[in-house]
N, C-alpha and C. Protein backbone atom coordinates (compact mmCIF):
# COMPACT_ATOMS: atom_id res chain seq x y z
N MET A 1 -49.71 -10.42 26.41
CA MET A 1 -47.91 -10.31 27.16
C MET A 1 -47.77 -10.84 25.31
N ASN A 2 -48.31 -11.53 25.32
CA ASN A 2 -48.25 -12.73 24.21
C ASN A 2 -48.01 -12.46 22.92
N GLU A 3 -47.63 -11.06 22.85
CA GLU A 3 -47.36 -10.15 21.04
C GLU A 3 -46.37 -11.39 20.89
N GLU A 4 -46.08 -11.62 19.45
CA GLU A 4 -45.10 -12.16 18.91
C GLU A 4 -44.35 -10.98 17.95
N LEU A 5 -42.99 -11.32 18.39
CA LEU A 5 -41.86 -10.32 18.37
C LEU A 5 -41.60 -10.07 17.04
N PRO A 6 -41.53 -9.06 16.14
CA PRO A 6 -40.72 -8.75 14.76
C PRO A 6 -39.36 -9.53 14.01
N ARG A 7 -39.90 -9.98 13.07
CA ARG A 7 -38.25 -11.24 12.63
C ARG A 7 -37.77 -10.46 12.90
N ASN A 8 -37.22 -8.90 11.59
CA ASN A 8 -36.14 -8.22 11.37
C ASN A 8 -36.50 -6.91 12.45
N LEU A 9 -34.95 -6.40 13.41
CA LEU A 9 -35.69 -5.37 13.16
C LEU A 9 -34.34 -4.43 12.78
N VAL A 10 -34.89 -2.64 12.87
CA VAL A 10 -33.15 -2.02 11.92
C VAL A 10 -32.44 -1.25 13.37
N LEU A 11 -31.89 -1.15 13.55
CA LEU A 11 -30.81 -0.13 13.51
C LEU A 11 -30.40 0.30 13.22
N ARG A 12 -29.98 2.21 13.81
CA ARG A 12 -29.65 2.73 13.33
C ARG A 12 -28.01 3.05 13.40
N LEU A 13 -27.58 3.64 13.05
CA LEU A 13 -25.85 3.78 13.10
C LEU A 13 -25.29 4.79 12.52
N ASN A 14 -24.35 5.14 13.35
CA ASN A 14 -22.86 6.13 11.67
C ASN A 14 -22.50 4.94 11.36
N ALA A 15 -21.23 5.35 10.58
CA ALA A 15 -20.33 4.83 9.55
C ALA A 15 -19.37 4.06 11.41
N TRP A 16 -18.99 4.81 12.15
CA TRP A 16 -18.09 4.33 13.51
C TRP A 16 -18.63 3.49 14.01
N GLU A 17 -19.93 3.74 14.61
CA GLU A 17 -20.40 2.58 15.03
C GLU A 17 -20.47 0.95 14.43
N ALA A 18 -20.67 2.13 13.05
CA ALA A 18 -20.55 0.84 12.58
C ALA A 18 -19.51 -0.92 12.58
N GLY A 19 -18.04 0.24 12.16
CA GLY A 19 -17.04 -0.28 11.92
C GLY A 19 -16.50 -0.73 13.35
N VAL A 20 -16.82 -0.33 14.47
CA VAL A 20 -17.16 -0.47 15.91
C VAL A 20 -17.41 -2.09 15.94
N LEU A 21 -18.91 -2.35 15.29
CA LEU A 21 -19.61 -3.39 16.16
C LEU A 21 -18.96 -4.97 14.93
N MET A 22 -18.40 -4.19 13.93
CA MET A 22 -17.92 -5.60 12.72
C MET A 22 -16.75 -6.03 13.20
N GLY A 23 -15.68 -5.12 13.84
CA GLY A 23 -14.58 -5.54 14.56
C GLY A 23 -14.85 -6.75 16.05
N LEU A 24 -16.13 -5.88 16.35
CA LEU A 24 -16.51 -6.42 18.05
C LEU A 24 -17.29 -8.32 17.40
N ILE A 25 -17.90 -7.66 16.21
CA ILE A 25 -18.23 -9.41 15.62
C ILE A 25 -17.09 -10.30 15.57
N ALA A 26 -15.48 -9.99 14.07
CA ALA A 26 -14.83 -10.27 14.12
C ALA A 26 -13.93 -11.05 15.23
N GLU A 27 -13.47 -10.13 15.98
CA GLU A 27 -12.99 -10.39 17.02
C GLU A 27 -12.77 -11.76 17.60
N ASP A 28 -14.28 -11.84 17.97
CA ASP A 28 -15.23 -13.04 18.70
C ASP A 28 -16.09 -13.84 17.97
N GLU A 29 -15.55 -15.45 17.78
CA GLU A 29 -15.26 -16.29 17.54
C GLU A 29 -17.03 -16.59 17.64
N ARG A 30 -17.42 -16.82 18.44
CA ARG A 30 -18.98 -17.08 19.18
C ARG A 30 -19.26 -15.26 18.06
N ALA A 31 -19.27 -14.87 18.74
CA ALA A 31 -20.34 -13.67 18.22
C ALA A 31 -20.43 -13.71 16.25
N LYS A 32 -19.32 -14.53 15.38
CA LYS A 32 -18.88 -14.30 13.93
C LYS A 32 -20.08 -15.63 13.75
N ALA A 33 -19.96 -16.49 14.56
CA ALA A 33 -20.74 -17.74 14.12
C ALA A 33 -22.31 -17.20 14.34
N SER A 34 -22.67 -16.78 14.86
CA SER A 34 -24.18 -16.43 15.64
C SER A 34 -25.06 -14.18 15.11
N LEU A 35 -23.80 -14.02 14.48
CA LEU A 35 -24.11 -12.87 14.21
C LEU A 35 -24.09 -12.68 12.98
N LYS A 36 -23.46 -14.17 12.27
CA LYS A 36 -23.13 -13.70 10.30
C LYS A 36 -23.93 -13.10 9.91
N PRO A 37 -24.79 -13.36 9.81
CA PRO A 37 -26.08 -12.22 9.27
C PRO A 37 -26.25 -10.63 9.01
N VAL A 38 -25.50 -10.19 10.22
CA VAL A 38 -25.77 -9.27 10.53
C VAL A 38 -24.46 -8.47 9.87
N PHE A 39 -23.17 -9.37 10.28
CA PHE A 39 -21.62 -9.20 9.37
C PHE A 39 -21.74 -9.22 8.43
N GLU A 40 -22.56 -9.38 7.55
CA GLU A 40 -22.93 -9.53 5.97
C GLU A 40 -23.21 -8.77 5.71
N GLN A 41 -23.70 -8.53 6.43
CA GLN A 41 -25.05 -6.75 6.51
C GLN A 41 -24.00 -5.66 6.26
N LEU A 42 -22.86 -5.88 7.31
CA LEU A 42 -22.66 -4.36 7.24
C LEU A 42 -21.59 -4.13 6.12
N LEU A 43 -20.97 -5.82 6.63
CA LEU A 43 -19.61 -5.67 5.28
C LEU A 43 -20.57 -5.28 3.83
N ASP A 44 -21.35 -6.18 3.54
CA ASP A 44 -22.07 -4.82 2.36
C ASP A 44 -22.72 -3.76 1.78
N MET A 45 -22.84 -2.93 3.53
CA MET A 45 -22.67 -1.64 3.23
C MET A 45 -20.91 -0.86 3.62
N LYS A 46 -20.34 -1.46 4.07
CA LYS A 46 -19.50 -0.88 3.57
C LYS A 46 -18.58 -1.09 2.97
N ARG A 47 -18.53 -2.36 1.76
CA ARG A 47 -18.87 -2.08 0.78
C ARG A 47 -19.30 -1.11 -0.90
N GLN A 48 -20.25 -0.86 -0.90
CA GLN A 48 -20.76 0.32 -1.07
C GLN A 48 -20.55 2.02 -0.53
N ILE A 49 -20.17 1.64 0.19
CA ILE A 49 -19.54 3.13 1.06
C ILE A 49 -18.38 2.98 0.38
N GLU A 50 -17.69 2.03 0.24
CA GLU A 50 -16.00 2.38 -0.30
C GLU A 50 -16.20 2.34 -1.99
N LYS A 51 -17.12 1.28 -2.69
CA LYS A 51 -17.53 2.35 -4.07
C LYS A 51 -17.62 3.18 -4.33
N GLU A 52 -18.87 3.97 -3.67
CA GLU A 52 -18.93 4.91 -3.96
C GLU A 52 -17.91 6.21 -3.41
N ALA A 53 -17.04 6.36 -2.60
CA ALA A 53 -16.50 6.72 -1.61
C ALA A 53 -14.88 6.87 -3.41
N GLY A 54 -14.41 6.05 -4.18
CA GLY A 54 -13.47 5.73 -4.80
C GLY A 54 -12.77 4.99 -3.90
N VAL A 55 -13.04 4.38 -3.61
CA VAL A 55 -11.81 3.88 -3.23
C VAL A 55 -11.09 2.46 -3.31
N LYS A 56 -9.59 2.28 -3.68
CA LYS A 56 -8.95 1.19 -4.18
C LYS A 56 -8.23 0.69 -3.40
N LYS A 57 -8.13 -1.02 -3.45
CA LYS A 57 -7.54 -1.68 -2.49
C LYS A 57 -6.46 -2.84 -3.25
N TYR A 58 -5.14 -2.83 -3.10
CA TYR A 58 -4.21 -2.93 -3.72
C TYR A 58 -3.72 -3.92 -2.69
N LEU A 59 -3.21 -5.98 -3.28
CA LEU A 59 -2.53 -6.12 -2.21
C LEU A 59 -0.90 -6.21 -2.87
N LEU A 60 -0.68 -5.94 -1.06
CA LEU A 60 1.38 -5.39 -1.69
C LEU A 60 1.93 -6.72 -1.56
N PRO A 61 3.31 -6.72 -2.40
CA PRO A 61 4.15 -7.68 -2.17
C PRO A 61 4.44 -7.98 -0.14
N ASN A 62 4.84 -7.22 0.50
CA ASN A 62 4.96 -7.97 2.06
C ASN A 62 3.83 -8.25 2.05
N GLY A 63 2.28 -8.26 2.25
CA GLY A 63 1.21 -9.12 2.62
C GLY A 63 0.55 -7.96 2.79
N LEU A 64 0.76 -6.74 3.43
CA LEU A 64 -0.17 -5.77 3.81
C LEU A 64 -1.30 -5.07 2.09
N ILE A 65 -1.67 -3.56 2.63
CA ILE A 65 -2.04 -3.52 1.51
C ILE A 65 -2.51 -2.32 1.69
N ARG A 66 -2.30 -2.05 0.25
CA ARG A 66 -2.47 -0.23 0.18
C ARG A 66 -4.55 0.65 -0.24
N VAL A 67 -4.41 1.47 0.46
CA VAL A 67 -5.75 1.55 0.52
C VAL A 67 -5.55 2.80 0.00
N THR A 68 -6.52 3.45 -1.61
CA THR A 68 -6.29 4.82 -1.72
C THR A 68 -8.03 5.62 -2.29
N ASP A 69 -8.50 5.96 -1.40
CA ASP A 69 -9.67 7.09 -1.92
C ASP A 69 -9.52 7.51 -2.77
N ALA A 70 -10.67 8.33 -3.63
CA ALA A 70 -10.48 9.42 -5.01
C ALA A 70 -10.27 10.51 -5.20
N MET A 71 -9.60 10.81 -3.29
CA MET A 71 -8.38 12.04 -3.54
C MET A 71 -7.51 11.82 -3.26
N GLY A 72 -7.09 10.41 -3.35
CA GLY A 72 -5.39 10.92 -3.04
C GLY A 72 -4.93 10.07 -1.68
N ASN A 73 -6.24 9.87 -0.75
CA ASN A 73 -5.65 9.78 0.29
C ASN A 73 -5.11 7.63 0.17
N THR A 74 -4.22 8.13 0.60
CA THR A 74 -3.30 6.66 1.01
C THR A 74 -3.14 5.97 2.87
N ILE A 75 -3.83 4.76 2.38
CA ILE A 75 -3.36 3.94 4.16
C ILE A 75 -2.75 2.72 3.86
N ILE A 76 -1.52 2.08 4.27
CA ILE A 76 -0.68 0.92 3.90
C ILE A 76 -0.94 0.87 5.25
N ARG A 77 -1.73 -1.08 5.48
CA ARG A 77 -1.99 -1.48 6.73
C ARG A 77 -2.73 -2.97 6.69
N ALA A 78 -1.84 -3.85 7.17
CA ALA A 78 -2.86 -5.64 7.45
C ALA A 78 -4.23 -5.10 7.52
N PRO A 79 -4.47 -5.66 6.09
CA PRO A 79 -5.73 -6.41 6.13
C PRO A 79 -6.45 -7.32 6.76
N TYR A 80 -7.43 -7.30 6.43
CA TYR A 80 -9.45 -7.58 7.86
C TYR A 80 -8.99 -9.17 6.84
N GLU A 81 -9.41 -10.16 7.49
CA GLU A 81 -9.93 -10.96 6.69
C GLU A 81 -10.70 -11.30 6.07
N TRP A 82 -11.59 -10.40 5.34
CA TRP A 82 -12.28 -9.76 4.61
C TRP A 82 -11.91 -9.83 3.08
N GLU A 83 -11.56 -8.60 3.84
CA GLU A 83 -10.22 -8.02 2.60
C GLU A 83 -10.08 -9.28 2.33
N LYS A 84 -8.83 -10.02 2.64
CA LYS A 84 -8.23 -11.09 1.92
C LYS A 84 -8.84 -11.79 0.38
N LEU A 85 -10.16 -11.98 1.59
CA LEU A 85 -11.10 -12.81 0.37
C LEU A 85 -11.57 -11.68 -0.86
N ASP A 86 -11.88 -10.45 -0.49
CA ASP A 86 -12.27 -9.07 -1.36
C ASP A 86 -11.19 -8.93 -2.76
N LEU A 87 -9.39 -9.11 -1.91
CA LEU A 87 -8.61 -9.13 -2.56
C LEU A 87 -8.47 -10.37 -3.97
N ARG A 88 -8.80 -11.49 -3.81
CA ARG A 88 -8.69 -12.91 -3.56
C ARG A 88 -9.41 -12.52 -5.16
N ARG A 89 -10.39 -11.79 -5.02
CA ARG A 89 -11.60 -12.02 -6.39
C ARG A 89 -11.28 -11.33 -7.89
């Protein structure tokens, strides 16, 4: 029973589940600190999916963002903290 645990574990999540997990981590300061590497992996995957879908984000003068995909679907909403950093790059 003294088996060593694997260093890396693989989780299988669909996009909705990954988004929920990101939201839960982002809302809890303790989780944000202890699960930072997990959050960063989820964020990298999200960015890649958005890039492949042709998603463009624009910061509007009122502080909201306009998110548009390659098909022209548009959403205007408040940005998440990590999006604020992305938009400043």
